[in-house]
Amino acid sequence: MDAQLKKGLLDACILVALEGGESYGYKIIEDTRTIIEISESTLYPILKRLEQAGALSVQSREHSGRLRKYYKITTHGRGRLSEFREMLKGMDKVYEFILGGKK
């Protein structure tokens, strides 16, 4: 899969996983597991990049004696997700063509 396309899809999957409320890394992996496999070594750099882009906010809190980072989608992140969804609407016919072949 093209690296840029995969990057966009992973970003969108993570943002969707956070749409319902804040979460932490392992939970995000679990929430997306049935859709796409994301390893910890893939997830955390994406979370960091989305945070730096202003799409996520991060808060550290203690959980079972350890600090855990909780991620929350921001208004900017919701905007990015909305843009991605709009872009996908136009892709339906392209996917249909590619998967179904020329008719």
PDB file of N, CA and C in Angstrom:
ATOM      1  N   MET A   1       0.853  -1.185   0.000  1.00  0.00           N
ATOM      2  CA  MET A   1       0.000   0.000   0.000  1.00  0.00           C
ATOM      3  C   MET A   1       0.893   1.239   0.000  1.00  0.00           C
ATOM      4  N   ASP A   2       0.507   2.232  -0.748  1.00  0.00           N
ATOM      5  CA  ASP A   2       1.227   3.493  -0.822  1.00  0.00           C
ATOM      6  C   ASP A   2       1.374   4.092   0.577  1.00  0.00           C
ATOM      7  N   ALA A   3       2.573   4.542   0.903  1.00  0.00           N
ATOM      8  CA  ALA A   3       2.862   5.046   2.252  1.00  0.00           C
ATOM      9  C   ALA A   3       1.987   6.237   2.626  1.00  0.00           C
ATOM     10  N   GLN A   4       1.774   7.165   1.703  1.00  0.00           N
ATOM     11  CA  GLN A   4       0.963   8.352   2.004  1.00  0.00           C
ATOM     12  C   GLN A   4      -0.505   7.989   2.224  1.00  0.00           C
ATOM     13  N   LEU A   5      -1.015   7.069   1.411  1.00  0.00           N
ATOM     14  CA  LEU A   5      -2.396   6.623   1.575  1.00  0.00           C
ATOM     15  C   LEU A   5      -2.562   5.911   2.917  1.00  0.00           C
ATOM     16  N   LYS A   6      -1.612   5.029   3.233  1.00  0.00           N
ATOM     17  CA  LYS A   6      -1.674   4.298   4.496  1.00  0.00           C
ATOM     18  C   LYS A   6      -1.591   5.265   5.672  1.00  0.00           C
ATOM     19  N   LYS A   7      -0.717   6.264   5.563  1.00  0.00           N
ATOM     20  CA  LYS A   7      -0.582   7.265   6.624  1.00  0.00           C
ATOM     21  C   LYS A   7      -1.910   7.982   6.862  1.00  0.00           C
ATOM     22  N   GLY A   8      -2.569   8.382   5.803  1.00  0.00           N
ATOM     23  CA  GLY A   8      -3.855   9.062   5.926  1.00  0.00           C
ATOM     24  C   GLY A   8      -4.928   8.178   6.522  1.00  0.00           C
ATOM     25  N   LEU A   9      -4.932   6.916   6.114  1.00  0.00           N
ATOM     26  CA  LEU A   9      -5.920   5.975   6.651  1.00  0.00           C
ATOM     27  C   LEU A   9      -5.685   5.701   8.131  1.00  0.00           C
ATOM     28  N   LEU A  10      -4.437   5.536   8.521  1.00  0.00           N
ATOM     29  CA  LEU A  10      -4.124   5.301   9.928  1.00  0.00           C
ATOM     30  C   LEU A  10      -4.502   6.514  10.775  1.00  0.00           C
ATOM     31  N   ASP A  11      -4.173   7.710  10.279  1.00  0.00           N
ATOM     32  CA  ASP A  11      -4.546   8.941  10.998  1.00  0.00           C
ATOM     33  C   ASP A  11      -6.052   8.981  11.208  1.00  0.00           C
ATOM     34  N   ALA A  12      -6.802   8.710  10.149  1.00  0.00           N
ATOM     35  CA  ALA A  12      -8.260   8.764  10.226  1.00  0.00           C
ATOM     36  C   ALA A  12      -8.793   7.712  11.190  1.00  0.00           C
ATOM     37  N   CYS A  13      -8.258   6.499  11.163  1.00  0.00           N
ATOM     38  CA  CYS A  13      -8.713   5.445  12.076  1.00  0.00           C
ATOM     39  C   CYS A  13      -8.479   5.839  13.528  1.00  0.00           C
ATOM     40  N   ILE A  14      -7.351   6.431  13.809  1.00  0.00           N
ATOM     41  CA  ILE A  14      -7.044   6.860  15.175  1.00  0.00           C
ATOM     42  C   ILE A  14      -7.974   7.989  15.595  1.00  0.00           C
ATOM     43  N   LEU A  15      -8.208   8.940  14.710  1.00  0.00           N
ATOM     44  CA  LEU A  15      -9.118  10.044  15.035  1.00  0.00           C
ATOM     45  C   LEU A  15     -10.540   9.530  15.273  1.00  0.00           C
ATOM     46  N   VAL A  16     -10.975   8.571  14.473  1.00  0.00           N
ATOM     47  CA  VAL A  16     -12.306   7.987  14.663  1.00  0.00           C
ATOM     48  C   VAL A  16     -12.374   7.276  16.017  1.00  0.00           C
ATOM     49  N   ALA A  17     -11.314   6.554  16.369  1.00  0.00           N
ATOM     50  CA  ALA A  17     -11.288   5.848  17.655  1.00  0.00           C
ATOM     51  C   ALA A  17     -11.407   6.823  18.825  1.00  0.00           C
ATOM     52  N   LEU A  18     -10.974   8.061  18.615  1.00  0.00           N
ATOM     53  CA  LEU A  18     -11.019   9.066  19.682  1.00  0.00           C
ATOM     54  C   LEU A  18     -12.247   9.968  19.608  1.00  0.00           C
ATOM     55  N   GLU A  19     -13.062   9.789  18.592  1.00  0.00           N
ATOM     56  CA  GLU A  19     -14.263  10.616  18.441  1.00  0.00           C
ATOM     57  C   GLU A  19     -15.225  10.471  19.625  1.00  0.00           C
ATOM     58  N   GLY A  20     -15.305   9.295  20.180  1.00  0.00           N
ATOM     59  CA  GLY A  20     -16.245   9.043  21.265  1.00  0.00           C
ATOM     60  C   GLY A  20     -15.749   9.479  22.633  1.00  0.00           C
ATOM     61  N   GLY A  21     -14.513   9.896  22.720  1.00  0.00           N
ATOM     62  CA  GLY A  21     -13.958  10.330  23.998  1.00  0.00           C
ATOM     63  C   GLY A  21     -12.492   9.975  24.095  1.00  0.00           C
ATOM     64  N   GLU A  22     -11.873  10.448  25.152  1.00  0.00           N
ATOM     65  CA  GLU A  22     -10.440  10.227  25.299  1.00  0.00           C
ATOM     66  C   GLU A  22     -10.123   8.748  25.506  1.00  0.00           C
ATOM     67  N   SER A  23      -8.891   8.389  25.168  1.00  0.00           N
ATOM     68  CA  SER A  23      -8.454   7.015  25.291  1.00  0.00           C
ATOM     69  C   SER A  23      -6.938   6.987  25.427  1.00  0.00           C
ATOM     70  N   TYR A  24      -6.395   5.802  25.633  1.00  0.00           N
ATOM     71  CA  TYR A  24      -4.949   5.625  25.758  1.00  0.00           C
ATOM     72  C   TYR A  24      -4.486   4.627  24.701  1.00  0.00           C
ATOM     73  N   GLY A  25      -3.180   4.543  24.515  1.00  0.00           N
ATOM     74  CA  GLY A  25      -2.603   3.775  23.418  1.00  0.00           C
ATOM     75  C   GLY A  25      -3.109   2.360  23.251  1.00  0.00           C
ATOM     76  N   TYR A  26      -3.001   1.549  24.292  1.00  0.00           N
ATOM     77  CA  TYR A  26      -3.408   0.151  24.159  1.00  0.00           C
ATOM     78  C   TYR A  26      -4.887   0.030  23.805  1.00  0.00           C
ATOM     79  N   LYS A  27      -5.717   0.881  24.383  1.00  0.00           N
ATOM     80  CA  LYS A  27      -7.157   0.861  24.102  1.00  0.00           C
ATOM     81  C   LYS A  27      -7.424   1.237  22.641  1.00  0.00           C
ATOM     82  N   ILE A  28      -6.676   2.186  22.120  1.00  0.00           N
ATOM     83  CA  ILE A  28      -6.824   2.582  20.712  1.00  0.00           C
ATOM     84  C   ILE A  28      -6.486   1.391  19.813  1.00  0.00           C
ATOM     85  N   ILE A  29      -5.421   0.676  20.143  1.00  0.00           N
ATOM     86  CA  ILE A  29      -5.047  -0.511  19.369  1.00  0.00           C
ATOM     87  C   ILE A  29      -6.184  -1.536  19.412  1.00  0.00           C
ATOM     88  N   GLU A  30      -6.726  -1.768  20.584  1.00  0.00           N
ATOM     89  CA  GLU A  30      -7.833  -2.716  20.736  1.00  0.00           C
ATOM     90  C   GLU A  30      -9.076  -2.262  19.965  1.00  0.00           C
ATOM     91  N   ASP A  31      -9.388  -0.971  20.034  1.00  0.00           N
ATOM     92  CA  ASP A  31     -10.588  -0.443  19.376  1.00  0.00           C
ATOM     93  C   ASP A  31     -10.503  -0.502  17.856  1.00  0.00           C
ATOM     94  N   THR A  32      -9.306  -0.512  17.305  1.00  0.00           N
ATOM     95  CA  THR A  32      -9.139  -0.517  15.850  1.00  0.00           C
ATOM     96  C   THR A  32      -8.735  -1.884  15.304  1.00  0.00           C
ATOM     97  N   ARG A  33      -8.494  -2.825  16.180  1.00  0.00           N
ATOM     98  CA  ARG A  33      -7.961  -4.143  15.794  1.00  0.00           C
ATOM     99  C   ARG A  33      -8.799  -4.854  14.731  1.00  0.00           C
ATOM    100  N   THR A  34     -10.124  -4.754  14.792  1.00  0.00           N
ATOM    101  CA  THR A  34     -10.969  -5.466  13.824  1.00  0.00           C
ATOM    102  C   THR A  34     -10.952  -4.800  12.453  1.00  0.00           C
ATOM    103  N   ILE A  35     -10.486  -3.578  12.394  1.00  0.00           N
ATOM    104  CA  ILE A  35     -10.453  -2.833  11.134  1.00  0.00           C
ATOM    105  C   ILE A  35      -9.062  -2.827  10.513  1.00  0.00           C
ATOM    106  N   ILE A  36      -8.056  -2.549  11.353  1.00  0.00           N
ATOM    107  CA  ILE A  36      -6.690  -2.424  10.849  1.00  0.00           C
ATOM    108  C   ILE A  36      -5.719  -2.772  11.969  1.00  0.00           C
ATOM    109  N   GLU A  37      -4.654  -3.470  11.626  1.00  0.00           N
ATOM    110  CA  GLU A  37      -3.642  -3.832  12.621  1.00  0.00           C
ATOM    111  C   GLU A  37      -2.679  -2.659  12.789  1.00  0.00           C
ATOM    112  N   ILE A  38      -2.578  -2.174  14.010  1.00  0.00           N
ATOM    113  CA  ILE A  38      -1.635  -1.104  14.343  1.00  0.00           C
ATOM    114  C   ILE A  38      -0.807  -1.586  15.517  1.00  0.00           C
ATOM    115  N   SER A  39       0.500  -1.634  15.327  1.00  0.00           N
ATOM    116  CA  SER A  39       1.376  -2.039  16.423  1.00  0.00           C
ATOM    117  C   SER A  39       1.701  -0.813  17.281  1.00  0.00           C
ATOM    118  N   GLU A  40       2.203  -1.054  18.473  1.00  0.00           N
ATOM    119  CA  GLU A  40       2.597   0.051  19.348  1.00  0.00           C
ATOM    120  C   GLU A  40       3.672   0.897  18.684  1.00  0.00           C
ATOM    121  N   SER A  41       4.612   0.243  17.998  1.00  0.00           N
ATOM    122  CA  SER A  41       5.709   0.982  17.363  1.00  0.00           C
ATOM    123  C   SER A  41       5.220   1.851  16.203  1.00  0.00           C
ATOM    124  N   THR A  42       4.045   1.543  15.673  1.00  0.00           N
ATOM    125  CA  THR A  42       3.427   2.373  14.637  1.00  0.00           C
ATOM    126  C   THR A  42       2.541   3.440  15.264  1.00  0.00           C
ATOM    127  N   LEU A  43       1.788   3.056  16.291  1.00  0.00           N
ATOM    128  CA  LEU A  43       0.805   3.947  16.895  1.00  0.00           C
ATOM    129  C   LEU A  43       1.420   5.187  17.541  1.00  0.00           C
ATOM    130  N   TYR A  44       2.420   4.997  18.384  1.00  0.00           N
ATOM    131  CA  TYR A  44       2.904   6.124  19.178  1.00  0.00           C
ATOM    132  C   TYR A  44       3.529   7.248  18.352  1.00  0.00           C
ATOM    133  N   PRO A  45       4.277   6.960  17.299  1.00  0.00           N
ATOM    134  CA  PRO A  45       4.737   8.068  16.443  1.00  0.00           C
ATOM    135  C   PRO A  45       3.577   8.812  15.765  1.00  0.00           C
ATOM    136  N   ILE A  46       2.520   8.080  15.397  1.00  0.00           N
ATOM    137  CA  ILE A  46       1.348   8.722  14.788  1.00  0.00           C
ATOM    138  C   ILE A  46       0.660   9.622  15.806  1.00  0.00           C
ATOM    139  N   LEU A  47       0.495   9.124  17.029  1.00  0.00           N
ATOM    140  CA  LEU A  47      -0.117   9.946  18.078  1.00  0.00           C
ATOM    141  C   LEU A  47       0.704  11.209  18.316  1.00  0.00           C
ATOM    142  N   LYS A  48       2.018  11.069  18.342  1.00  0.00           N
ATOM    143  CA  LYS A  48       2.904  12.228  18.556  1.00  0.00           C
ATOM    144  C   LYS A  48       2.755  13.229  17.412  1.00  0.00           C
ATOM    145  N   ARG A  49       2.715  12.722  16.179  1.00  0.00           N
ATOM    146  CA  ARG A  49       2.573  13.601  15.011  1.00  0.00           C
ATOM    147  C   ARG A  49       1.226  14.311  15.028  1.00  0.00           C
ATOM    148  N   LEU A  50       0.150  13.584  15.360  1.00  0.00           N
ATOM    149  CA  LEU A  50      -1.178  14.196  15.426  1.00  0.00           C
ATOM    150  C   LEU A  50      -1.246  15.235  16.547  1.00  0.00           C
ATOM    151  N   GLU A  51      -0.552  14.961  17.643  1.00  0.00           N
ATOM    152  CA  GLU A  51      -0.497  15.941  18.731  1.00  0.00           C
ATOM    153  C   GLU A  51       0.230  17.204  18.273  1.00  0.00           C
ATOM    154  N   GLN A  52       1.369  17.037  17.619  1.00  0.00           N
ATOM    155  CA  GLN A  52       2.146  18.186  17.142  1.00  0.00           C
ATOM    156  C   GLN A  52       1.379  18.995  16.105  1.00  0.00           C
ATOM    157  N   ALA A  53       0.501  18.332  15.357  1.00  0.00           N
ATOM    158  CA  ALA A  53      -0.310  19.014  14.341  1.00  0.00           C
ATOM    159  C   ALA A  53      -1.538  19.686  14.953  1.00  0.00           C
ATOM    160  N   GLY A  54      -1.757  19.477  16.245  1.00  0.00           N
ATOM    161  CA  GLY A  54      -2.907  20.091  16.909  1.00  0.00           C
ATOM    162  C   GLY A  54      -4.200  19.313  16.767  1.00  0.00           C
ATOM    163  N   ALA A  55      -4.108  18.074  16.262  1.00  0.00           N
ATOM    164  CA  ALA A  55      -5.305  17.249  16.075  1.00  0.00           C
ATOM    165  C   ALA A  55      -5.695  16.514  17.357  1.00  0.00           C
ATOM    166  N   LEU A  56      -4.748  16.383  18.285  1.00  0.00           N
ATOM    167  CA  LEU A  56      -4.984  15.706  19.548  1.00  0.00           C
ATOM    168  C   LEU A  56      -4.432  16.527  20.696  1.00  0.00           C
ATOM    169  N   SER A  57      -5.062  16.390  21.839  1.00  0.00           N
ATOM    170  CA  SER A  57      -4.466  16.913  23.068  1.00  0.00           C
ATOM    171  C   SER A  57      -4.112  15.705  23.921  1.00  0.00           C
ATOM    172  N   VAL A  58      -3.115  15.857  24.772  1.00  0.00           N
ATOM    173  CA  VAL A  58      -2.622  14.749  25.582  1.00  0.00           C
ATOM    174  C   VAL A  58      -2.566  15.184  27.036  1.00  0.00           C
ATOM    175  N   GLN A  59      -2.979  14.273  27.895  1.00  0.00           N
ATOM    176  CA  GLN A  59      -2.928  14.540  29.326  1.00  0.00           C
ATOM    177  C   GLN A  59      -2.418  13.276  30.013  1.00  0.00           C
ATOM    178  N   SER A  60      -1.434  13.434  30.890  1.00  0.00           N
ATOM    179  CA  SER A  60      -0.905  12.297  31.643  1.00  0.00           C
ATOM    180  C   SER A  60      -1.601  12.222  32.991  1.00  0.00           C
ATOM    181  N   ARG A  61      -2.017  11.015  33.348  1.00  0.00           N
ATOM    182  CA  ARG A  61      -2.651  10.778  34.650  1.00  0.00           C
ATOM    183  C   ARG A  61      -2.149   9.454  35.200  1.00  0.00           C
ATOM    184  N   GLU A  62      -2.159   9.352  36.501  1.00  0.00           N
ATOM    185  CA  GLU A  62      -1.724   8.119  37.139  1.00  0.00           C
ATOM    186  C   GLU A  62      -2.808   7.056  37.018  1.00  0.00           C
ATOM    187  N   HIS A  63      -2.360   5.852  36.693  1.00  0.00           N
ATOM    188  CA  HIS A  63      -3.248   4.692  36.613  1.00  0.00           C
ATOM    189  C   HIS A  63      -2.474   3.498  37.151  1.00  0.00           C
ATOM    190  N   SER A  64      -2.947   2.896  38.201  1.00  0.00           N
ATOM    191  CA  SER A  64      -2.292   1.737  38.822  1.00  0.00           C
ATOM    192  C   SER A  64      -0.822   2.012  39.142  1.00  0.00           C
ATOM    193  N   GLY A  65      -0.563   3.198  39.663  1.00  0.00           N
ATOM    194  CA  GLY A  65       0.793   3.546  40.076  1.00  0.00           C
ATOM    195  C   GLY A  65       1.726   3.981  38.965  1.00  0.00           C
ATOM    196  N   ARG A  66       1.214   4.074  37.747  1.00  0.00           N
ATOM    197  CA  ARG A  66       2.047   4.508  36.608  1.00  0.00           C
ATOM    198  C   ARG A  66       1.362   5.665  35.909  1.00  0.00           C
ATOM    199  N   LEU A  67       2.169   6.458  35.212  1.00  0.00           N
ATOM    200  CA  LEU A  67       1.576   7.529  34.407  1.00  0.00           C
ATOM    201  C   LEU A  67       1.104   6.953  33.087  1.00  0.00           C
ATOM    202  N   ARG A  68      -0.081   7.313  32.698  1.00  0.00           N
ATOM    203  CA  ARG A  68      -0.651   6.879  31.427  1.00  0.00           C
ATOM    204  C   ARG A  68      -1.062   8.124  30.662  1.00  0.00           C
ATOM    205  N   LYS A  69      -0.746   8.150  29.362  1.00  0.00           N
ATOM    206  CA  LYS A  69      -1.142   9.274  28.518  1.00  0.00           C
ATOM    207  C   LYS A  69      -2.525   9.011  27.946  1.00  0.00           C
ATOM    208  N   TYR A  70      -3.393  10.003  28.095  1.00  0.00           N
ATOM    209  CA  TYR A  70      -4.739   9.945  27.534  1.00  0.00           C
ATOM    210  C   TYR A  70      -4.817  10.942  26.389  1.00  0.00           C
ATOM    211  N   TYR A  71      -5.320  10.488  25.267  1.00  0.00           N
ATOM    212  CA  TYR A  71      -5.411  11.300  24.059  1.00  0.00           C
ATOM    213  C   TYR A  71      -6.854  11.683  23.811  1.00  0.00           C
ATOM    214  N   LYS A  72      -7.044  12.917  23.362  1.00  0.00           N
ATOM    215  CA  LYS A  72      -8.383  13.431  23.093  1.00  0.00           C
ATOM    216  C   LYS A  72      -8.344  14.199  21.767  1.00  0.00           C
ATOM    217  N   ILE A  73      -9.339  13.965  20.927  1.00  0.00           N
ATOM    218  CA  ILE A  73      -9.412  14.669  19.650  1.00  0.00           C
ATOM    219  C   ILE A  73      -9.774  16.136  19.906  1.00  0.00           C
ATOM    220  N   THR A  74      -9.135  17.029  19.169  1.00  0.00           N
ATOM    221  CA  THR A  74      -9.399  18.461  19.302  1.00  0.00           C
ATOM    222  C   THR A  74     -10.348  18.915  18.202  1.00  0.00           C
ATOM    223  N   THR A  75     -10.741  20.162  18.264  1.00  0.00           N
ATOM    224  CA  THR A  75     -11.580  20.741  17.210  1.00  0.00           C
ATOM    225  C   THR A  75     -10.862  20.650  15.866  1.00  0.00           C
ATOM    226  N   HIS A  76      -9.566  20.918  15.876  1.00  0.00           N
ATOM    227  CA  HIS A  76      -8.775  20.811  14.641  1.00  0.00           C
ATOM    228  C   HIS A  76      -8.776  19.369  14.125  1.00  0.00           C
ATOM    229  N   GLY A  77      -8.653  18.404  15.041  1.00  0.00           N
ATOM    230  CA  GLY A  77      -8.679  16.996  14.660  1.00  0.00           C
ATOM    231  C   GLY A  77     -10.020  16.595  14.072  1.00  0.00           C
ATOM    232  N   ARG A  78     -11.091  17.116  14.645  1.00  0.00           N
ATOM    233  CA  ARG A  78     -12.438  16.836  14.090  1.00  0.00           C
ATOM    234  C   ARG A  78     -12.558  17.414  12.683  1.00  0.00           C
ATOM    235  N   GLY A  79     -11.966  18.577  12.474  1.00  0.00           N
ATOM    236  CA  GLY A  79     -11.970  19.186  11.143  1.00  0.00           C
ATOM    237  C   GLY A  79     -11.204  18.339  10.137  1.00  0.00           C
ATOM    238  N   ARG A  80     -10.028  17.842  10.556  1.00  0.00           N
ATOM    239  CA  ARG A  80      -9.235  16.969   9.671  1.00  0.00           C
ATOM    240  C   ARG A  80     -10.005  15.700   9.330  1.00  0.00           C
ATOM    241  N   LEU A  81     -10.694  15.142  10.316  1.00  0.00           N
ATOM    242  CA  LEU A  81     -11.478  13.931  10.086  1.00  0.00           C
ATOM    243  C   LEU A  81     -12.637  14.210   9.143  1.00  0.00           C
ATOM    244  N   SER A  82     -13.271  15.338   9.303  1.00  0.00           N
ATOM    245  CA  SER A  82     -14.374  15.731   8.418  1.00  0.00           C
ATOM    246  C   SER A  82     -13.877  15.881   6.978  1.00  0.00           C
ATOM    247  N   GLU A  83     -12.716  16.496   6.799  1.00  0.00           N
ATOM    248  CA  GLU A  83     -12.125  16.646   5.461  1.00  0.00           C
ATOM    249  C   GLU A  83     -11.826  15.282   4.847  1.00  0.00           C
ATOM    250  N   PHE A  84     -11.295  14.376   5.662  1.00  0.00           N
ATOM    251  CA  PHE A  84     -10.985  13.036   5.172  1.00  0.00           C
ATOM    252  C   PHE A  84     -12.251  12.311   4.731  1.00  0.00           C
ATOM    253  N   ARG A  85     -13.301  12.453   5.521  1.00  0.00           N
ATOM    254  CA  ARG A  85     -14.569  11.811   5.167  1.00  0.00           C
ATOM    255  C   ARG A  85     -15.140  12.376   3.867  1.00  0.00           C
ATOM    256  N   GLU A  86     -15.034  13.662   3.667  1.00  0.00           N
ATOM    257  CA  GLU A  86     -15.504  14.282   2.426  1.00  0.00           C
ATOM    258  C   GLU A  86     -14.717  13.767   1.238  1.00  0.00           C
ATOM    259  N   MET A  87     -13.399  13.625   1.412  1.00  0.00           N
ATOM    260  CA  MET A  87     -12.556  13.115   0.337  1.00  0.00           C
ATOM    261  C   MET A  87     -12.966  11.685  -0.022  1.00  0.00           C
ATOM    262  N   LEU A  88     -13.288  10.878   0.988  1.00  0.00           N
ATOM    263  CA  LEU A  88     -13.667   9.487   0.738  1.00  0.00           C
ATOM    264  C   LEU A  88     -14.985   9.355  -0.007  1.00  0.00           C
ATOM    265  N   LYS A  89     -15.887  10.307   0.210  1.00  0.00           N
ATOM    266  CA  LYS A  89     -17.176  10.248  -0.491  1.00  0.00           C
ATOM    267  C   LYS A  89     -16.976  10.213  -2.000  1.00  0.00           C
ATOM    268  N   GLY A  90     -16.001  10.949  -2.476  1.00  0.00           N
ATOM    269  CA  GLY A  90     -15.727  10.983  -3.906  1.00  0.00           C
ATOM    270  C   GLY A  90     -14.968   9.773  -4.412  1.00  0.00           C
ATOM    271  N   MET A  91     -14.496   8.940  -3.508  1.00  0.00           N
ATOM    272  CA  MET A  91     -13.690   7.791  -3.899  1.00  0.00           C
ATOM    273  C   MET A  91     -14.506   6.530  -4.151  1.00  0.00           C
ATOM    274  N   ASP A  92     -15.780   6.529  -3.797  1.00  0.00           N
ATOM    275  CA  ASP A  92     -16.612   5.333  -3.959  1.00  0.00           C
ATOM    276  C   ASP A  92     -16.554   4.758  -5.366  1.00  0.00           C
ATOM    277  N   LYS A  93     -16.723   5.613  -6.359  1.00  0.00           N
ATOM    278  CA  LYS A  93     -16.733   5.146  -7.746  1.00  0.00           C
ATOM    279  C   LYS A  93     -15.365   4.621  -8.166  1.00  0.00           C
ATOM    280  N   VAL A  94     -14.320   5.230  -7.633  1.00  0.00           N
ATOM    281  CA  VAL A  94     -12.962   4.775  -7.954  1.00  0.00           C
ATOM    282  C   VAL A  94     -12.739   3.381  -7.382  1.00  0.00           C
ATOM    283  N   TYR A  95     -13.107   3.173  -6.119  1.00  0.00           N
ATOM    284  CA  TYR A  95     -12.967   1.845  -5.507  1.00  0.00           C
ATOM    285  C   TYR A  95     -13.783   0.809  -6.269  1.00  0.00           C
ATOM    286  N   GLU A  96     -14.998   1.164  -6.618  1.00  0.00           N
ATOM    287  CA  GLU A  96     -15.874   0.262  -7.352  1.00  0.00           C
ATOM    288  C   GLU A  96     -15.243  -0.132  -8.688  1.00  0.00           C
ATOM    289  N   PHE A  97     -14.669   0.824  -9.372  1.00  0.00           N
ATOM    290  CA  PHE A  97     -14.020   0.584 -10.661  1.00  0.00           C
ATOM    291  C   PHE A  97     -12.825  -0.340 -10.482  1.00  0.00           C
ATOM    292  N   ILE A  98     -11.992  -0.042  -9.491  1.00  0.00           N
ATOM    293  CA  ILE A  98     -10.790  -0.835  -9.264  1.00  0.00           C
ATOM    294  C   ILE A  98     -11.137  -2.256  -8.849  1.00  0.00           C
ATOM    295  N   LEU A  99     -12.050  -2.396  -7.928  1.00  0.00           N
ATOM    296  CA  LEU A  99     -12.403  -3.719  -7.429  1.00  0.00           C
ATOM    297  C   LEU A  99     -13.236  -4.526  -8.417  1.00  0.00           C
ATOM    298  N   GLY A 100     -14.062  -3.848  -9.199  1.00  0.00           N
ATOM    299  CA  GLY A 100     -14.936  -4.550 -10.126  1.00  0.00           C
ATOM    300  C   GLY A 100     -14.354  -4.682 -11.522  1.00  0.00           C
ATOM    301  N   GLY A 101     -13.338  -3.926 -11.796  1.00  0.00           N
ATOM    302  CA  GLY A 101     -12.744  -3.958 -13.119  1.00  0.00           C
ATOM    303  C   GLY A 101     -13.577  -3.164 -14.113  1.00  0.00           C
ATOM    304  N   LYS A 102     -13.063  -3.034 -15.315  1.00  0.00           N
ATOM    305  CA  LYS A 102     -13.732  -2.276 -16.365  1.00  0.00           C
ATOM    306  C   LYS A 102     -14.921  -3.088 -16.884  1.00  0.00           C
ATOM    307  N   LYS A 103     -16.060  -2.416 -17.019  1.00  0.00           N
ATOM    308  CA  LYS A 103     -17.271  -3.127 -17.465  1.00  0.00           C
ATOM    309  C   LYS A 103     -17.699  -2.676 -18.829  1.00  0.00           C
TER     310      LYS A 103
END
